[in-house]
Amino acid sequence: MGKAFVLSRFRFYECMCGETKAFSTMGVPLCVTCDECRSTLALGPEEYQVPEPHDWESHVDQTTGEAYYFCTKCLRRSAFAWREGQA
């Protein structure tokens, strides 16, 4: 039960066009999509699902005092919250 055992838990996820890739042990949230083809990341062609919108929450940086948003699903941080329909 050395390093080979731990590394075997990682799985390779890829979008439909192959541009966006990820390695994960816990899966990839459905709000993470490829910038090129807009598909979700999946283990194989039969596992692609409909993308979900980010779930933005507003916070204030304790160091700088600036407001920011982060997605509670994928933990992406943004200066502003994306709304459905915005690019």
C-alpha atoms as a PDB file:
ATOM      1  CA  MET A   1       0.000   0.000   0.000  1.00  0.00           C
ATOM      2  CA  GLY A   2       2.590   2.506  -1.095  1.00  0.00           C
ATOM      3  CA  LYS A   3       2.470   5.291  -3.630  1.00  0.00           C
ATOM      4  CA  ALA A   4       1.090   3.057  -6.393  1.00  0.00           C
ATOM      5  CA  PHE A   5      -2.015   2.406  -4.303  1.00  0.00           C
ATOM      6  CA  VAL A   6      -2.625   6.123  -3.700  1.00  0.00           C
ATOM      7  CA  LEU A   7      -2.029   7.100  -7.352  1.00  0.00           C
ATOM      8  CA  SER A   8      -4.466   4.452  -8.582  1.00  0.00           C
ATOM      9  CA  ARG A   9      -7.355   6.422  -7.046  1.00  0.00           C
ATOM     10  CA  PHE A  10      -6.885   9.281  -9.514  1.00  0.00           C
ATOM     11  CA  ARG A  11      -9.116   9.247 -12.571  1.00  0.00           C
ATOM     12  CA  PHE A  12      -8.682  11.098 -15.841  1.00  0.00           C
ATOM     13  CA  TYR A  13     -11.541  13.377 -16.942  1.00  0.00           C
ATOM     14  CA  GLU A  14     -11.774  15.039 -20.351  1.00  0.00           C
ATOM     15  CA  CYS A  15     -14.175  17.252 -22.306  1.00  0.00           C
ATOM     16  CA  MET A  16     -15.666  16.228 -25.675  1.00  0.00           C
ATOM     17  CA  CYS A  17     -13.070  18.093 -27.780  1.00  0.00           C
ATOM     18  CA  GLY A  18     -10.103  17.031 -25.603  1.00  0.00           C
ATOM     19  CA  GLU A  19      -8.972  20.601 -24.879  1.00  0.00           C
ATOM     20  CA  THR A  20      -9.745  20.542 -21.127  1.00  0.00           C
ATOM     21  CA  LYS A  21      -8.479  17.711 -18.928  1.00  0.00           C
ATOM     22  CA  ALA A  22      -8.435  16.988 -15.200  1.00  0.00           C
ATOM     23  CA  PHE A  23      -7.181  14.360 -12.763  1.00  0.00           C
ATOM     24  CA  SER A  24      -9.335  13.889  -9.691  1.00  0.00           C
ATOM     25  CA  THR A  25     -10.120  11.415  -6.952  1.00  0.00           C
ATOM     26  CA  MET A  26     -13.513  12.967  -6.165  1.00  0.00           C
ATOM     27  CA  GLY A  27     -14.888  13.719  -9.631  1.00  0.00           C
ATOM     28  CA  VAL A  28     -15.380  17.046 -11.374  1.00  0.00           C
ATOM     29  CA  PRO A  29     -18.358  19.330 -10.561  1.00  0.00           C
ATOM     30  CA  LEU A  30     -20.896  19.785 -13.352  1.00  0.00           C
ATOM     31  CA  CYS A  31     -20.316  23.560 -13.343  1.00  0.00           C
ATOM     32  CA  VAL A  32     -16.782  23.013 -14.690  1.00  0.00           C
ATOM     33  CA  THR A  33     -16.944  23.144 -18.492  1.00  0.00           C
ATOM     34  CA  CYS A  34     -14.563  23.427 -21.432  1.00  0.00           C
ATOM     35  CA  ASP A  35     -14.132  26.953 -22.823  1.00  0.00           C
ATOM     36  CA  GLU A  36     -13.996  25.570 -26.379  1.00  0.00           C
ATOM     37  CA  CYS A  37     -16.839  23.012 -26.627  1.00  0.00           C
ATOM     38  CA  ARG A  38     -18.796  23.917 -23.441  1.00  0.00           C
ATOM     39  CA  SER A  39     -19.122  20.258 -22.432  1.00  0.00           C
ATOM     40  CA  THR A  40     -18.632  18.903 -18.930  1.00  0.00           C
ATOM     41  CA  LEU A  41     -15.633  16.759 -18.050  1.00  0.00           C
ATOM     42  CA  ALA A  42     -16.286  13.020 -17.973  1.00  0.00           C
ATOM     43  CA  LEU A  43     -14.514   9.671 -17.795  1.00  0.00           C
ATOM     44  CA  GLY A  44     -15.848   8.592 -21.184  1.00  0.00           C
ATOM     45  CA  PRO A  45     -18.207   9.532 -24.043  1.00  0.00           C
ATOM     46  CA  GLU A  46     -21.284   7.970 -22.455  1.00  0.00           C
ATOM     47  CA  GLU A  47     -20.868   9.909 -19.194  1.00  0.00           C
ATOM     48  CA  TYR A  48     -21.189  13.535 -20.376  1.00  0.00           C
ATOM     49  CA  GLN A  49     -23.989  15.425 -18.624  1.00  0.00           C
ATOM     50  CA  VAL A  50     -25.784  18.728 -19.003  1.00  0.00           C
ATOM     51  CA  PRO A  51     -23.670  21.526 -17.440  1.00  0.00           C
ATOM     52  CA  GLU A  52     -25.052  23.193 -14.305  1.00  0.00           C
ATOM     53  CA  PRO A  53     -24.633  26.887 -13.439  1.00  0.00           C
ATOM     54  CA  HIS A  54     -22.144  27.945 -10.795  1.00  0.00           C
ATOM     55  CA  ASP A  55     -23.499  28.497  -7.280  1.00  0.00           C
ATOM     56  CA  TRP A  56     -21.875  31.864  -6.456  1.00  0.00           C
ATOM     57  CA  GLU A  57     -21.515  33.124  -2.877  1.00  0.00           C
ATOM     58  CA  SER A  58     -20.201  36.578  -2.004  1.00  0.00           C
ATOM     59  CA  HIS A  59     -17.355  37.066   0.466  1.00  0.00           C
ATOM     60  CA  VAL A  60     -14.904  39.763   1.524  1.00  0.00           C
ATOM     61  CA  ASP A  61     -11.154  39.183   1.484  1.00  0.00           C
ATOM     62  CA  GLN A  62      -9.898  39.548   5.064  1.00  0.00           C
ATOM     63  CA  THR A  63      -6.537  40.931   3.926  1.00  0.00           C
ATOM     64  CA  THR A  64      -7.507  43.427   1.209  1.00  0.00           C
ATOM     65  CA  GLY A  65     -11.134  44.124   2.116  1.00  0.00           C
ATOM     66  CA  GLU A  66     -12.205  43.541  -1.500  1.00  0.00           C
ATOM     67  CA  ALA A  67     -15.429  41.736  -2.288  1.00  0.00           C
ATOM     68  CA  TYR A  68     -15.258  38.580  -4.381  1.00  0.00           C
ATOM     69  CA  TYR A  69     -17.421  35.612  -5.312  1.00  0.00           C
ATOM     70  CA  PHE A  70     -16.629  31.938  -5.273  1.00  0.00           C
ATOM     71  CA  CYS A  71     -18.543  28.908  -6.472  1.00  0.00           C
ATOM     72  CA  THR A  72     -19.498  26.538  -3.662  1.00  0.00           C
ATOM     73  CA  LYS A  73     -19.357  23.575  -6.081  1.00  0.00           C
ATOM     74  CA  CYS A  74     -16.003  23.999  -7.834  1.00  0.00           C
ATOM     75  CA  LEU A  75     -14.403  26.700  -5.610  1.00  0.00           C
ATOM     76  CA  ARG A  76     -13.654  28.960  -8.603  1.00  0.00           C
ATOM     77  CA  ARG A  77     -13.035  32.529  -7.466  1.00  0.00           C
ATOM     78  CA  SER A  78     -14.266  35.514  -9.469  1.00  0.00           C
ATOM     79  CA  ALA A  79     -14.272  39.296  -9.165  1.00  0.00           C
ATOM     80  CA  PHE A  80     -17.940  39.210 -10.112  1.00  0.00           C
ATOM     81  CA  ALA A  81     -20.643  36.575 -10.100  1.00  0.00           C
ATOM     82  CA  TRP A  82     -21.584  35.035 -13.436  1.00  0.00           C
ATOM     83  CA  ARG A  83     -25.259  35.096 -14.157  1.00  0.00           C
ATOM     84  CA  GLU A  84     -26.982  32.690 -16.491  1.00  0.00           C
ATOM     85  CA  GLY A  85     -26.749  33.975 -20.057  1.00  0.00           C
ATOM     86  CA  GLN A  86     -23.524  35.956 -19.576  1.00  0.00           C
ATOM     87  CA  ALA A  87     -20.375  34.962 -21.419  1.00  0.00           C
END
